[in-house]
Protein backbone atom coordinates (compact mmCIF):
# COMPACT_ATOMS: atom_id res chain seq x y z
CA MET A 1 17.59 -19.76 35.48
CA ILE A 2 20.86 -18.43 36.88
CA LEU A 3 21.03 -15.04 38.60
CA ARG A 4 24.05 -12.83 39.15
CA VAL A 5 23.37 -10.81 42.30
CA ASP A 6 25.28 -7.89 43.82
CA ALA A 7 26.29 -9.17 47.26
CA THR A 8 26.16 -5.68 48.76
CA THR A 9 22.85 -4.39 47.45
CA GLY A 10 21.01 -7.59 46.58
CA SER A 11 20.27 -6.21 43.11
CA VAL A 12 20.00 -8.69 40.26
CA LEU A 13 22.77 -7.79 37.80
CA ARG A 14 22.10 -10.46 35.20
CA THR A 15 19.65 -13.24 34.43
CA LEU A 16 20.77 -16.26 32.45
CA GLN A 17 18.09 -18.50 31.00
CA ILE A 18 18.93 -22.21 30.93
CA PRO A 19 16.77 -24.39 28.64
CA ALA A 20 15.87 -26.88 31.37
CA ASN A 21 13.11 -27.13 33.96
CA LYS A 22 15.33 -27.81 36.98
CA VAL A 23 18.77 -26.20 37.43
CA THR A 24 20.69 -28.14 40.08
CA CYS A 25 24.16 -26.58 40.35
CA ALA A 26 26.39 -23.94 38.78
CA VAL A 27 30.19 -23.82 39.06
CA PHE A 28 32.98 -21.95 37.30
CA GLY A 29 35.65 -23.97 35.54
CA GLY A 30 38.13 -23.87 32.70
CA ALA A 31 41.77 -22.81 32.83
CA ASP A 32 40.84 -19.20 33.65
CA LEU A 33 37.65 -19.99 35.61
CA ASP A 34 35.69 -18.10 32.95
CA GLU A 35 33.40 -20.95 31.90
CA LEU A 36 30.19 -21.60 33.80
CA TYR A 37 29.07 -25.22 34.05
CA VAL A 38 25.39 -25.70 34.86
CA THR A 39 23.88 -29.09 35.71
CA THR A 40 20.18 -29.78 35.40
CA ALA A 41 17.76 -32.56 36.27
CA ASN A 42 14.66 -34.03 34.69
CA ILE A 43 13.67 -36.42 37.48
CA ARG A 44 9.93 -36.37 38.15
CA ASP A 45 9.28 -34.20 35.09
CA THR A 46 5.90 -34.81 33.54
CA PRO A 47 5.70 -35.81 29.87
CA GLU A 48 4.60 -32.24 29.13
CA GLU A 49 7.66 -30.81 30.92
CA ARG A 50 9.97 -33.22 29.09
CA GLY A 51 8.43 -32.07 25.83
CA LYS A 52 8.92 -28.41 26.73
CA PHE A 53 12.44 -28.92 28.17
CA PRO A 54 14.00 -31.83 26.24
CA LEU A 55 17.51 -30.84 27.40
CA GLY A 56 16.68 -31.36 31.08
CA GLY A 57 19.16 -33.70 32.75
CA THR A 58 22.15 -32.41 30.81
CA THR A 59 25.14 -30.25 31.69
CA PHE A 60 25.59 -26.90 29.96
CA ARG A 61 28.82 -24.96 29.43
CA VAL A 62 28.30 -21.20 29.19
CA THR A 63 31.10 -19.00 27.84
CA GLY A 64 31.49 -15.31 27.07
CA LEU A 65 29.94 -14.05 30.30
CA GLY A 66 32.72 -11.55 31.03
CA VAL A 67 33.08 -12.74 34.63
CA LYS A 68 35.34 -15.24 36.37
CA GLY A 69 34.92 -17.57 39.29
CA TYR A 70 36.99 -17.72 42.45
CA ALA A 71 39.50 -20.56 42.82
CA GLY A 72 38.94 -20.79 46.56
CA ASP A 73 41.40 -21.35 49.35
CA LYS A 74 43.28 -24.54 50.16
CA ALA A 75 42.54 -26.14 53.49
CA ILE A 76 44.17 -28.89 55.51
CA LEU A 77 41.71 -30.95 57.50
CA ASP A 78 42.65 -33.12 60.46
CA LEU A 79 40.04 -35.85 60.41
CA GLU A 80 41.35 -37.75 63.42
């Protein structure tokens, strides 16, 4: 499950169901940062869980959410 939360109030604005038992990461991508990529895992799933969530361990692309991600800021790191 993915939640969209208002950073000011903490209110849940949207719930997105993902057909997998374990969601591992979500990131915006695409040319306009309007596609949400969601990775999942199925490690240590029981046979019953694998039967209920056969798509576990795959990556999902979600479109049409009406929101965009943030490209971030560039940084220069001095590693010496």
